[in-house]
Structure formats: structure tokens, C-alpha cells
Amino acid sequence: MESPPASPPVPSAPGRVRRGNAEDHRQLQAAIVAAAFELFKQGGTDAVTMQGLASALGRSAMSLYRYFDSKNAVLHELWRVAYAECLLAMRARVEARQTPGERHRALIESFLEFWEQRPDYYQLVYRTSGPDSQIERPLPEALMPSYGDIIALATRVTTELADELGTGHERIPLATEMRLALLMGYLQSRFANPRYPWRDLNLLRTACIEATLSSVVLCLQGKLGAPADWPFR
């Protein structure tokens, strides 16, 4: 696996931002995001407050509202950063491969590696929704273009694989969603169920990758077991 990048450090409090200076505006936005991520790692979403960010940056809470209009806006930006980094990592691995089968494997492996190497990102993005969450979650595609781009990349890889197999395109949406469901099941098991006495996580990971690869192919070929009225049988 690739070595995980270091978590973004909390920058020192930037100097006074001059109104209308785009570069200073960008730098303070980045400082707010980095500080928010550190606060999240320390105490979850409850720890990410405008007052807490102001204290970390040595500024008044009111001054931060020029950059983010609410705590939710800050958390949404953390999501956007996570998905943008995931997209870059996946795209680089996929584009480096030659055949549809190789690109399909690279898609799966890069997705798993990204979240495995960044458990704090995984906690933020996939385990902060639900009744106790303070994040209002709109449609991800509308909120974060990178999320939609990840879906588009996965769909393109599935389409290339279907073309290589000669199966047609009618099962591509199902195969794409099934792959995501299988991979998320593995990640959720690994991160959300640490008390289970996993015997060999590396072996389990390899088995999950191979099972996912095979399942997508079988789905595209219409060979998965299904009820008689299943539309893709």
C-alpha cells in the first residue's frame, strides 16, 4: 500500500486578512478547514464549533462567518476535501492501468486504500449521518462535484469492462452500485466492528477484493442467482 499522507496540521493563526484580498481569503479558509479537521479528530462533530475554531486560530468567532456561514458549512467543506482527495487518488491509479480489467481492479483497490489509510476521514464522511448528527446532508452530487465525479469514474470503468465482456450496458448501474455496496460493507465491518475477532484482516481484504471483482463480472453477464421476475435475468 502507499504510505498515508500526514493529516493536515493546524496552521498558526494567519495575519489580519485584508478585505478584498483573494489570496488572504483563500489562506484563512484553508486554515479554518485544517483547524476544523483537528477539532473533529479530537472530539467528533460536537467539537467543531465556530467558537472552538476561533480559539484555535486566535480570532473572533464573528470574523469566521465571512468565510463560512455556519458550522454545517465548515463540515460540508471537510467532506468536499475528503472526496476531492479520494477522486485524485482513484483517478491516478485507474488511469495508470491499460486494460479494462486492470482499471477495474485499480478502482477497487484505490478506493479501499484511500479510506483505510485515513480512518479519520472515514469517520467524518460515513459515520456522522443519522439522528444524532449535526450535519444536514443534501444530495452529495449537488453538494460536492467530486462525489459525482467518483461515481462517473466508477461508471466509466464498469462500462469499459462491460464492453470488453460484450455484455451490453443494461446492467451497468446495478453492477456499479453493487460494487460500492460490497466495498462499503467491508469498510464498515473493519471500522465499525473492531470487537469482532477478525482472524486475518489482510486475507479477508484480499478475499473481498476478489469476490467483488467476480461479482461485478457475473452481474454484468446476468449470471447471478435471482428470482424469476428479476428484470436483468
C-alpha atoms as a PDB file:
ATOM      1  CA  MET A   1       0.000   0.000   0.000  1.00  0.00           C
ATOM      2  CA  GLU A   2       1.040   3.595  -0.429  1.00  0.00           C
ATOM      3  CA  SER A   3       2.173   5.456   2.670  1.00  0.00           C
ATOM      4  CA  PRO A   4      -0.695   7.540   4.004  1.00  0.00           C
ATOM      5  CA  PRO A   5      -0.220  11.287   3.846  1.00  0.00           C
ATOM      6  CA  ALA A   6       0.129  13.125   7.104  1.00  0.00           C
ATOM      7  CA  SER A   7      -3.022  14.691   8.469  1.00  0.00           C
ATOM      8  CA  PRO A   8      -3.213  18.390   7.688  1.00  0.00           C
ATOM      9  CA  PRO A   9      -1.548  20.288  10.545  1.00  0.00           C
ATOM     10  CA  VAL A  10      -3.263  23.105  12.377  1.00  0.00           C
ATOM     11  CA  PRO A  11      -1.682  26.194  10.874  1.00  0.00           C
ATOM     12  CA  SER A  12      -0.605  29.075  13.024  1.00  0.00           C
ATOM     13  CA  ALA A  13      -3.060  31.917  13.151  1.00  0.00           C
ATOM     14  CA  PRO A  14      -2.750  33.838   9.893  1.00  0.00           C
ATOM     15  CA  GLY A  15      -2.176  37.555   9.876  1.00  0.00           C
ATOM     16  CA  ARG A  16      -5.012  40.006   9.616  1.00  0.00           C
ATOM     17  CA  VAL A  17      -6.901  39.422   6.378  1.00  0.00           C
ATOM     18  CA  ARG A  18      -7.342  42.471   4.193  1.00  0.00           C
ATOM     19  CA  ARG A  19     -10.811  42.827   2.779  1.00  0.00           C
ATOM     20  CA  GLY A  20     -10.888  42.065  -0.912  1.00  0.00           C
ATOM     21  CA  ASN A  21      -7.603  40.185  -0.926  1.00  0.00           C
ATOM     22  CA  ALA A  22      -8.444  36.866  -2.603  1.00  0.00           C
ATOM     23  CA  GLU A  23      -5.232  35.087  -1.594  1.00  0.00           C
ATOM     24  CA  ASP A  24      -5.611  36.024   2.084  1.00  0.00           C
ATOM     25  CA  HIS A  25      -9.240  34.902   1.919  1.00  0.00           C
ATOM     26  CA  ARG A  26      -8.188  31.532   0.493  1.00  0.00           C
ATOM     27  CA  GLN A  27      -5.452  31.086   3.090  1.00  0.00           C
ATOM     28  CA  LEU A  28      -7.780  31.725   6.013  1.00  0.00           C
ATOM     29  CA  GLN A  29     -10.407  29.387   4.562  1.00  0.00           C
ATOM     30  CA  ALA A  30      -7.742  26.680   4.377  1.00  0.00           C
ATOM     31  CA  ALA A  31      -6.666  27.441   7.949  1.00  0.00           C
ATOM     32  CA  ILE A  32     -10.254  27.123   9.166  1.00  0.00           C
ATOM     33  CA  VAL A  33     -10.649  23.755   7.405  1.00  0.00           C
ATOM     34  CA  ALA A  34      -7.376  22.418   8.829  1.00  0.00           C
ATOM     35  CA  ALA A  35      -8.323  23.555  12.339  1.00  0.00           C
ATOM     36  CA  ALA A  36     -11.802  22.031  11.961  1.00  0.00           C
ATOM     37  CA  PHE A  37     -10.316  18.689  10.975  1.00  0.00           C
ATOM     38  CA  GLU A  38      -8.068  18.693  14.043  1.00  0.00           C
ATOM     39  CA  LEU A  39     -11.022  19.526  16.287  1.00  0.00           C
ATOM     40  CA  PHE A  40     -13.044  16.737  14.690  1.00  0.00           C
ATOM     41  CA  LYS A  41     -10.262  14.216  15.350  1.00  0.00           C
ATOM     42  CA  GLN A  42     -10.190  15.276  18.999  1.00  0.00           C
ATOM     43  CA  GLY A  43     -13.912  15.251  19.729  1.00  0.00           C
ATOM     44  CA  GLY A  44     -16.071  14.476  16.710  1.00  0.00           C
ATOM     45  CA  THR A  45     -18.622  16.879  15.230  1.00  0.00           C
ATOM     46  CA  ASP A  46     -19.524  18.223  18.680  1.00  0.00           C
ATOM     47  CA  ALA A  47     -16.003  19.640  18.982  1.00  0.00           C
ATOM     48  CA  VAL A  48     -16.251  21.579  15.715  1.00  0.00           C
ATOM     49  CA  THR A  49     -17.793  24.893  16.745  1.00  0.00           C
ATOM     50  CA  MET A  50     -17.264  28.390  15.463  1.00  0.00           C
ATOM     51  CA  GLN A  51     -16.017  29.410  18.908  1.00  0.00           C
ATOM     52  CA  GLY A  52     -13.624  26.483  19.024  1.00  0.00           C
ATOM     53  CA  LEU A  53     -12.282  27.354  15.586  1.00  0.00           C
ATOM     54  CA  ALA A  54     -11.893  30.983  16.584  1.00  0.00           C
ATOM     55  CA  SER A  55      -9.904  29.966  19.667  1.00  0.00           C
ATOM     56  CA  ALA A  56      -7.675  27.644  17.625  1.00  0.00           C
ATOM     57  CA  LEU A  57      -6.942  30.399  15.124  1.00  0.00           C
ATOM     58  CA  GLY A  58      -6.691  33.297  17.560  1.00  0.00           C
ATOM     59  CA  ARG A  59      -9.600  35.158  16.020  1.00  0.00           C
ATOM     60  CA  SER A  60     -13.069  36.248  16.941  1.00  0.00           C
ATOM     61  CA  ALA A  61     -15.893  33.872  16.117  1.00  0.00           C
ATOM     62  CA  MET A  62     -17.727  36.617  14.233  1.00  0.00           C
ATOM     63  CA  SER A  63     -14.782  37.115  11.868  1.00  0.00           C
ATOM     64  CA  LEU A  64     -15.065  33.487  10.689  1.00  0.00           C
ATOM     65  CA  TYR A  65     -18.593  33.979   9.410  1.00  0.00           C
ATOM     66  CA  ARG A  66     -17.157  35.913   6.460  1.00  0.00           C
ATOM     67  CA  TYR A  67     -15.723  32.574   5.274  1.00  0.00           C
ATOM     68  CA  PHE A  68     -18.285  30.006   6.426  1.00  0.00           C
ATOM     69  CA  ASP A  69     -21.820  30.936   7.387  1.00  0.00           C
ATOM     70  CA  SER A  70     -22.297  28.052   9.841  1.00  0.00           C
ATOM     71  CA  LYS A  71     -20.733  25.027  11.462  1.00  0.00           C
ATOM     72  CA  ASN A  72     -22.504  22.846   8.886  1.00  0.00           C
ATOM     73  CA  ALA A  73     -20.814  24.793   6.100  1.00  0.00           C
ATOM     74  CA  VAL A  74     -17.420  24.029   7.654  1.00  0.00           C
ATOM     75  CA  LEU A  75     -18.240  20.317   7.959  1.00  0.00           C
ATOM     76  CA  HIS A  76     -19.503  20.242   4.381  1.00  0.00           C
ATOM     77  CA  GLU A  77     -16.166  21.690   3.289  1.00  0.00           C
ATOM     78  CA  LEU A  78     -14.362  18.906   5.156  1.00  0.00           C
ATOM     79  CA  TRP A  79     -16.452  16.397   3.206  1.00  0.00           C
ATOM     80  CA  ARG A  80     -15.618  18.164  -0.051  1.00  0.00           C
ATOM     81  CA  VAL A  81     -11.893  17.999   0.716  1.00  0.00           C
ATOM     82  CA  ALA A  82     -12.116  14.298   1.566  1.00  0.00           C
ATOM     83  CA  TYR A  83     -13.973  13.412  -1.633  1.00  0.00           C
ATOM     84  CA  ALA A  84     -11.682  15.581  -3.767  1.00  0.00           C
ATOM     85  CA  GLU A  85      -8.618  13.778  -2.395  1.00  0.00           C
ATOM     86  CA  CYS A  86     -10.303  10.405  -2.901  1.00  0.00           C
ATOM     87  CA  LEU A  87     -11.076  11.271  -6.525  1.00  0.00           C
ATOM     88  CA  LEU A  88      -7.469  12.264  -7.218  1.00  0.00           C
ATOM     89  CA  ALA A  89      -6.115   9.063  -5.680  1.00  0.00           C
ATOM     90  CA  MET A  90      -8.555   6.823  -7.550  1.00  0.00           C
ATOM     91  CA  ARG A  91      -8.159   8.591 -10.885  1.00  0.00           C
ATOM     92  CA  ALA A  92      -4.361   8.395 -10.733  1.00  0.00           C
ATOM     93  CA  ARG A  93      -4.423   4.635 -10.100  1.00  0.00           C
ATOM     94  CA  VAL A  94      -7.095   3.899 -12.711  1.00  0.00           C
ATOM     95  CA  GLU A  95      -5.514   5.988 -15.472  1.00  0.00           C
ATOM     96  CA  ALA A  96      -2.158   4.257 -14.928  1.00  0.00           C
ATOM     97  CA  ARG A  97      -3.634   0.889 -15.972  1.00  0.00           C
ATOM     98  CA  GLN A  98      -4.045  -0.308 -19.552  1.00  0.00           C
ATOM     99  CA  THR A  99      -6.891  -2.819 -19.796  1.00  0.00           C
ATOM    100  CA  PRO A 100     -10.494  -2.582 -18.525  1.00  0.00           C
ATOM    101  CA  GLY A 101      -9.860  -5.460 -16.125  1.00  0.00           C
ATOM    102  CA  GLU A 102      -6.759  -3.790 -14.708  1.00  0.00           C
ATOM    103  CA  ARG A 103      -8.586  -0.480 -14.346  1.00  0.00           C
ATOM    104  CA  HIS A 104     -11.447  -2.231 -12.583  1.00  0.00           C
ATOM    105  CA  ARG A 105      -9.065  -3.745 -10.032  1.00  0.00           C
ATOM    106  CA  ALA A 106      -7.277  -0.406  -9.603  1.00  0.00           C
ATOM    107  CA  LEU A 107     -10.618   1.297  -8.949  1.00  0.00           C
ATOM    108  CA  ILE A 108     -11.456  -1.154  -6.173  1.00  0.00           C
ATOM    109  CA  GLU A 109      -8.018  -1.199  -4.570  1.00  0.00           C
ATOM    110  CA  SER A 110      -7.565   2.583  -4.644  1.00  0.00           C
ATOM    111  CA  PHE A 111     -10.990   3.163  -3.079  1.00  0.00           C
ATOM    112  CA  LEU A 112     -10.256   0.782  -0.226  1.00  0.00           C
ATOM    113  CA  GLU A 113      -6.747   2.092   0.320  1.00  0.00           C
ATOM    114  CA  PHE A 114      -7.875   5.691   0.479  1.00  0.00           C
ATOM    115  CA  TRP A 115     -10.316   5.152   3.347  1.00  0.00           C
ATOM    116  CA  GLU A 116      -8.200   2.514   5.131  1.00  0.00           C
ATOM    117  CA  GLN A 117      -5.290   4.942   5.272  1.00  0.00           C
ATOM    118  CA  ARG A 118      -7.500   7.781   6.500  1.00  0.00           C
ATOM    119  CA  PRO A 119      -9.725   6.416   9.289  1.00  0.00           C
ATOM    120  CA  ASP A 120     -10.497   9.958  10.462  1.00  0.00           C
ATOM    121  CA  TYR A 121     -11.820  10.827   7.008  1.00  0.00           C
ATOM    122  CA  TYR A 122     -13.905   7.665   7.025  1.00  0.00           C
ATOM    123  CA  GLN A 123     -15.333   8.537  10.432  1.00  0.00           C
ATOM    124  CA  LEU A 124     -16.194  12.037   9.240  1.00  0.00           C
ATOM    125  CA  VAL A 125     -17.771  11.140   5.905  1.00  0.00           C
ATOM    126  CA  TYR A 126     -19.507   7.835   6.589  1.00  0.00           C
ATOM    127  CA  ARG A 127     -20.225   7.786  10.305  1.00  0.00           C
ATOM    128  CA  THR A 128     -21.584  11.262  11.050  1.00  0.00           C
ATOM    129  CA  SER A 129     -25.030  10.884   9.466  1.00  0.00           C
ATOM    130  CA  GLY A 130     -28.190   9.841  11.287  1.00  0.00           C
ATOM    131  CA  PRO A 131     -30.449  11.189  14.001  1.00  0.00           C
ATOM    132  CA  ASP A 132     -27.609  12.310  16.267  1.00  0.00           C
ATOM    133  CA  SER A 133     -25.694  14.052  13.503  1.00  0.00           C
ATOM    134  CA  GLN A 134     -25.410  17.808  13.414  1.00  0.00           C
ATOM    135  CA  ILE A 135     -24.776  17.745   9.678  1.00  0.00           C
ATOM    136  CA  GLU A 136     -27.660  18.424   7.350  1.00  0.00           C
ATOM    137  CA  ARG A 137     -26.914  16.148   4.405  1.00  0.00           C
ATOM    138  CA  PRO A 138     -28.179  17.268   0.990  1.00  0.00           C
ATOM    139  CA  LEU A 139     -27.680  15.185  -2.120  1.00  0.00           C
ATOM    140  CA  PRO A 140     -23.900  14.625  -2.293  1.00  0.00           C
ATOM    141  CA  GLU A 141     -23.764  15.225  -6.057  1.00  0.00           C
ATOM    142  CA  ALA A 142     -25.303  18.671  -5.591  1.00  0.00           C
ATOM    143  CA  LEU A 143     -23.053  19.488  -2.650  1.00  0.00           C
ATOM    144  CA  MET A 144     -19.725  18.115  -3.828  1.00  0.00           C
ATOM    145  CA  PRO A 145     -18.846  17.793  -7.506  1.00  0.00           C
ATOM    146  CA  SER A 146     -16.026  15.396  -6.615  1.00  0.00           C
ATOM    147  CA  TYR A 147     -18.552  12.888  -5.271  1.00  0.00           C
ATOM    148  CA  GLY A 148     -20.356  12.920  -8.591  1.00  0.00           C
ATOM    149  CA  ASP A 149     -17.015  12.605 -10.368  1.00  0.00           C
ATOM    150  CA  ILE A 150     -16.183   9.493  -8.324  1.00  0.00           C
ATOM    151  CA  ILE A 151     -19.491   7.953  -9.384  1.00  0.00           C
ATOM    152  CA  ALA A 152     -18.792   8.936 -13.002  1.00  0.00           C
ATOM    153  CA  LEU A 153     -15.329   7.357 -12.841  1.00  0.00           C
ATOM    154  CA  ALA A 154     -16.750   4.133 -11.407  1.00  0.00           C
ATOM    155  CA  THR A 155     -19.470   4.052 -14.062  1.00  0.00           C
ATOM    156  CA  ARG A 156     -16.934   4.606 -16.852  1.00  0.00           C
ATOM    157  CA  VAL A 157     -14.750   1.764 -15.591  1.00  0.00           C
ATOM    158  CA  THR A 158     -17.797  -0.513 -15.407  1.00  0.00           C
ATOM    159  CA  THR A 159     -18.817   0.480 -18.928  1.00  0.00           C
ATOM    160  CA  GLU A 160     -15.358  -0.320 -20.287  1.00  0.00           C
ATOM    161  CA  LEU A 161     -15.480  -3.697 -18.565  1.00  0.00           C
ATOM    162  CA  ALA A 162     -18.933  -4.430 -19.994  1.00  0.00           C
ATOM    163  CA  ASP A 163     -17.685  -3.552 -23.479  1.00  0.00           C
ATOM    164  CA  GLU A 164     -14.709  -5.876 -23.077  1.00  0.00           C
ATOM    165  CA  LEU A 165     -17.024  -8.671 -21.908  1.00  0.00           C
ATOM    166  CA  GLY A 166     -19.562  -7.923 -24.630  1.00  0.00           C
ATOM    167  CA  THR A 167     -22.456  -7.914 -22.182  1.00  0.00           C
ATOM    168  CA  GLY A 168     -24.283  -4.738 -23.174  1.00  0.00           C
ATOM    169  CA  HIS A 169     -24.968  -1.796 -20.903  1.00  0.00           C
ATOM    170  CA  GLU A 170     -28.308  -2.550 -19.263  1.00  0.00           C
ATOM    171  CA  ARG A 171     -26.721  -3.969 -16.070  1.00  0.00           C
ATOM    172  CA  ILE A 172     -24.076  -1.266 -15.617  1.00  0.00           C
ATOM    173  CA  PRO A 173     -25.999   0.777 -12.992  1.00  0.00           C
ATOM    174  CA  LEU A 174     -26.682  -2.299 -10.866  1.00  0.00           C
ATOM    175  CA  ALA A 175     -23.110  -3.596 -11.171  1.00  0.00           C
ATOM    176  CA  THR A 176     -21.715  -0.175 -10.220  1.00  0.00           C
ATOM    177  CA  GLU A 177     -23.940   0.099  -7.156  1.00  0.00           C
ATOM    178  CA  MET A 178     -23.335  -3.487  -6.117  1.00  0.00           C
ATOM    179  CA  ARG A 179     -19.565  -2.945  -6.177  1.00  0.00           C
ATOM    180  CA  LEU A 180     -19.920   0.101  -3.919  1.00  0.00           C
ATOM    181  CA  ALA A 181     -22.201  -1.803  -1.534  1.00  0.00           C
ATOM    182  CA  LEU A 182     -19.720  -4.684  -1.249  1.00  0.00           C
ATOM    183  CA  LEU A 183     -16.747  -2.396  -0.643  1.00  0.00           C
ATOM    184  CA  MET A 184     -18.602  -0.288   1.896  1.00  0.00           C
ATOM    185  CA  GLY A 185     -19.669  -3.465   3.676  1.00  0.00           C
ATOM    186  CA  TYR A 186     -16.019  -4.447   4.099  1.00  0.00           C
ATOM    187  CA  LEU A 187     -15.014  -0.960   5.284  1.00  0.00           C
ATOM    188  CA  GLN A 188     -17.917  -0.756   7.695  1.00  0.00           C
ATOM    189  CA  SER A 189     -17.039  -4.161   9.120  1.00  0.00           C
ATOM    190  CA  ARG A 190     -13.432  -3.131   9.560  1.00  0.00           C
ATOM    191  CA  PHE A 191     -14.049   0.269  11.143  1.00  0.00           C
ATOM    192  CA  ALA A 192     -17.386  -0.151  12.901  1.00  0.00           C
ATOM    193  CA  ASN A 193     -16.976  -3.652  14.314  1.00  0.00           C
ATOM    194  CA  PRO A 194     -13.489  -3.757  15.875  1.00  0.00           C
ATOM    195  CA  ARG A 195     -14.660  -6.082  18.659  1.00  0.00           C
ATOM    196  CA  TYR A 196     -15.210  -8.954  16.244  1.00  0.00           C
ATOM    197  CA  PRO A 197     -12.216 -11.317  16.481  1.00  0.00           C
ATOM    198  CA  TRP A 198     -11.111 -10.971  12.860  1.00  0.00           C
ATOM    199  CA  ARG A 199      -8.601 -13.754  12.242  1.00  0.00           C
ATOM    200  CA  ASP A 200      -6.657 -12.192   9.377  1.00  0.00           C
ATOM    201  CA  LEU A 201      -7.776  -8.822   8.047  1.00  0.00           C
ATOM    202  CA  ASN A 202      -5.288  -8.891   5.180  1.00  0.00           C
ATOM    203  CA  LEU A 203      -6.607 -12.237   3.983  1.00  0.00           C
ATOM    204  CA  LEU A 204     -10.182 -11.024   4.422  1.00  0.00           C
ATOM    205  CA  ARG A 205      -9.388  -7.902   2.422  1.00  0.00           C
ATOM    206  CA  THR A 206      -7.915  -9.924  -0.437  1.00  0.00           C
ATOM    207  CA  ALA A 207     -10.931 -12.226  -0.460  1.00  0.00           C
ATOM    208  CA  CYS A 208     -13.313  -9.250  -0.518  1.00  0.00           C
ATOM    209  CA  ILE A 209     -11.495  -7.698  -3.467  1.00  0.00           C
ATOM    210  CA  GLU A 210     -11.566 -10.917  -5.459  1.00  0.00           C
ATOM    211  CA  ALA A 211     -15.211 -11.556  -4.586  1.00  0.00           C
ATOM    212  CA  THR A 212     -16.124  -8.021  -5.655  1.00  0.00           C
ATOM    213  CA  LEU A 213     -14.265  -8.356  -8.950  1.00  0.00           C
ATOM    214  CA  SER A 214     -16.027 -11.639  -9.711  1.00  0.00           C
ATOM    215  CA  SER A 215     -19.435 -10.408  -8.593  1.00  0.00           C
ATOM    216  CA  VAL A 216     -19.328  -7.369 -10.884  1.00  0.00           C
ATOM    217  CA  VAL A 217     -18.457  -9.582 -13.852  1.00  0.00           C
ATOM    218  CA  LEU A 218     -21.229 -12.053 -13.012  1.00  0.00           C
ATOM    219  CA  CYS A 219     -23.686  -9.194 -12.600  1.00  0.00           C
ATOM    220  CA  LEU A 220     -22.787  -7.745 -15.995  1.00  0.00           C
ATOM    221  CA  GLN A 221     -23.162 -11.202 -17.536  1.00  0.00           C
ATOM    222  CA  GLY A 222     -26.536 -11.747 -15.862  1.00  0.00           C
ATOM    223  CA  LYS A 223     -25.262 -14.898 -14.137  1.00  0.00           C
ATOM    224  CA  LEU A 224     -26.002 -14.004 -10.548  1.00  0.00           C
ATOM    225  CA  GLY A 225     -28.778 -16.022  -8.950  1.00  0.00           C
ATOM    226  CA  ALA A 226     -32.033 -14.047  -8.978  1.00  0.00           C
ATOM    227  CA  PRO A 227     -35.790 -14.501  -8.765  1.00  0.00           C
ATOM    228  CA  ALA A 228     -37.604 -15.340 -11.980  1.00  0.00           C
ATOM    229  CA  ASP A 229     -39.065 -11.847 -12.218  1.00  0.00           C
ATOM    230  CA  TRP A 230     -35.720 -10.098 -11.760  1.00  0.00           C
ATOM    231  CA  PRO A 231     -35.524  -7.545 -14.622  1.00  0.00           C
ATOM    232  CA  PHE A 232     -31.959  -8.442 -15.593  1.00  0.00           C
ATOM    233  CA  ARG A 233     -32.264 -12.211 -15.537  1.00  0.00           C
END
